[in-house]
């Protein structure tokens, strides 16, 4: 089974990219990348599309890493809380068993 692709414009180039859930969501991602590229272009005194593309890719990789780290932190806190609840349930179970 082949991965469906969508034709989008990225940095002025028309490319076929793997679809993300739907054509609309894939286009939204392309639009966000183009917005970031335009922002990078306006903040620079010279035009270097390769550098702009690499900066945009770095920003996305950084954002992905930050989200991954945040999720790991949330999962750790959740595991600690679940562990605390489990200990309380074990204590309650023991108290109930001892009282019967």
Protein backbone atom coordinates (compact mmCIF):
# COMPACT_ATOMS: atom_id res chain seq x y z
CA UNK A 1 0.00 0.00 0.00
CA UNK A 2 1.49 3.34 -1.01
CA UNK A 3 1.43 6.46 1.13
CA UNK A 4 -0.89 9.09 -0.30
CA UNK A 5 0.76 12.34 -1.23
CA UNK A 6 -0.42 15.91 -1.62
CA UNK A 7 0.99 18.57 -3.92
CA UNK A 8 1.92 21.70 -1.97
CA UNK A 9 4.02 24.79 -2.49
CA UNK A 10 6.96 25.09 -0.08
CA UNK A 11 9.28 28.04 -0.36
CA UNK A 12 8.11 28.69 -3.90
CA UNK A 13 8.66 25.10 -5.04
CA UNK A 14 5.82 22.73 -5.86
CA UNK A 15 6.43 19.43 -4.13
CA UNK A 16 4.52 16.20 -3.48
CA UNK A 17 4.66 15.44 0.24
CA UNK A 18 3.23 12.57 2.30
CA UNK A 19 -0.27 13.49 3.41
CA UNK A 20 -0.91 14.15 7.09
CA UNK A 21 -4.44 12.94 7.92
CA UNK A 22 -6.07 14.98 5.13
CA UNK A 23 -5.30 17.29 2.25
CA UNK A 24 -6.44 20.25 4.34
CA UNK A 25 -4.17 19.43 7.30
CA UNK A 26 -1.26 18.81 4.97
CA UNK A 27 -1.86 22.19 3.31
CA UNK A 28 -2.09 23.84 6.76
CA UNK A 29 1.36 22.45 7.60
CA UNK A 30 2.75 23.75 4.28
CA UNK A 31 1.17 27.16 4.95
CA UNK A 32 2.76 27.27 8.41
CA UNK A 33 6.18 26.44 6.95
CA UNK A 34 5.75 29.13 4.30
CA UNK A 35 4.78 31.65 6.99
CA UNK A 36 7.91 30.82 8.95
CA UNK A 37 10.04 31.09 5.83
CA UNK A 38 8.56 34.53 5.07
CA UNK A 39 9.23 35.63 8.65
CA UNK A 40 12.86 34.48 8.36
CA UNK A 41 13.19 36.26 5.01
CA UNK A 42 11.92 39.56 6.42
CA UNK A 43 14.31 39.38 9.36
CA UNK A 44 17.37 38.91 7.16
CA UNK A 45 19.28 41.47 5.13
CA UNK A 46 20.18 38.96 2.41
CA UNK A 47 18.25 36.27 0.57
CA UNK A 48 19.44 32.72 1.13
CA UNK A 49 16.59 30.27 0.61
CA UNK A 50 18.70 27.29 1.65
CA UNK A 51 19.58 28.95 4.95
CA UNK A 52 15.93 29.95 5.48
CA UNK A 53 14.80 26.36 4.83
CA UNK A 54 17.41 25.00 7.23
CA UNK A 55 16.42 27.52 9.91
CA UNK A 56 12.77 26.56 9.49
CA UNK A 57 13.67 22.87 9.72
CA UNK A 58 15.70 23.57 12.86
CA UNK A 59 12.79 25.47 14.43
CA UNK A 60 10.48 22.53 13.79
CA UNK A 61 12.99 20.01 15.13
CA UNK A 62 13.47 22.18 18.23
CA UNK A 63 9.72 22.50 18.77
CA UNK A 64 9.33 18.74 18.36
CA UNK A 65 12.12 18.10 20.90
CA UNK A 66 10.56 20.54 23.36
CA UNK A 67 7.18 18.82 23.04
CA UNK A 68 8.80 15.39 23.48
CA UNK A 69 10.62 16.57 26.61
CA UNK A 70 7.43 18.14 27.97
CA UNK A 71 5.50 14.92 27.34
CA UNK A 72 8.19 12.88 29.10
CA UNK A 73 7.93 15.21 32.09
CA UNK A 74 4.12 14.95 32.13
CA UNK A 75 4.30 11.15 31.87
CA UNK A 76 6.80 11.02 34.74
CA UNK A 77 4.58 13.16 36.99
CA UNK A 78 1.55 11.09 36.04
CA UNK A 79 3.39 7.84 36.83
CA UNK A 80 4.41 9.25 40.22
CA UNK A 81 0.81 10.23 41.00
CA UNK A 82 -0.52 6.86 39.88
CA UNK A 83 2.10 5.21 42.09
CA UNK A 84 0.90 7.29 45.05
CA UNK A 85 -2.73 6.38 44.39
CA UNK A 86 -1.78 2.73 44.09
CA UNK A 87 -0.02 2.84 47.47
CA UNK A 88 -3.10 4.43 49.08
CA UNK A 89 -5.36 1.78 47.55
CA UNK A 90 -3.02 -0.93 48.87
CA UNK A 91 -3.15 0.69 52.34
CA UNK A 92 -6.95 0.85 52.24
CA UNK A 93 -7.16 -2.75 51.07
CA UNK A 94 -4.90 -3.86 53.92
CA UNK A 95 -6.97 -1.91 56.47
CA UNK A 96 -10.19 -3.45 55.15
CA UNK A 97 -8.71 -6.94 55.21
CA UNK A 98 -7.44 -6.47 58.78
CA UNK A 99 -10.83 -5.23 59.98
CA UNK A 100 -12.76 -8.21 58.62
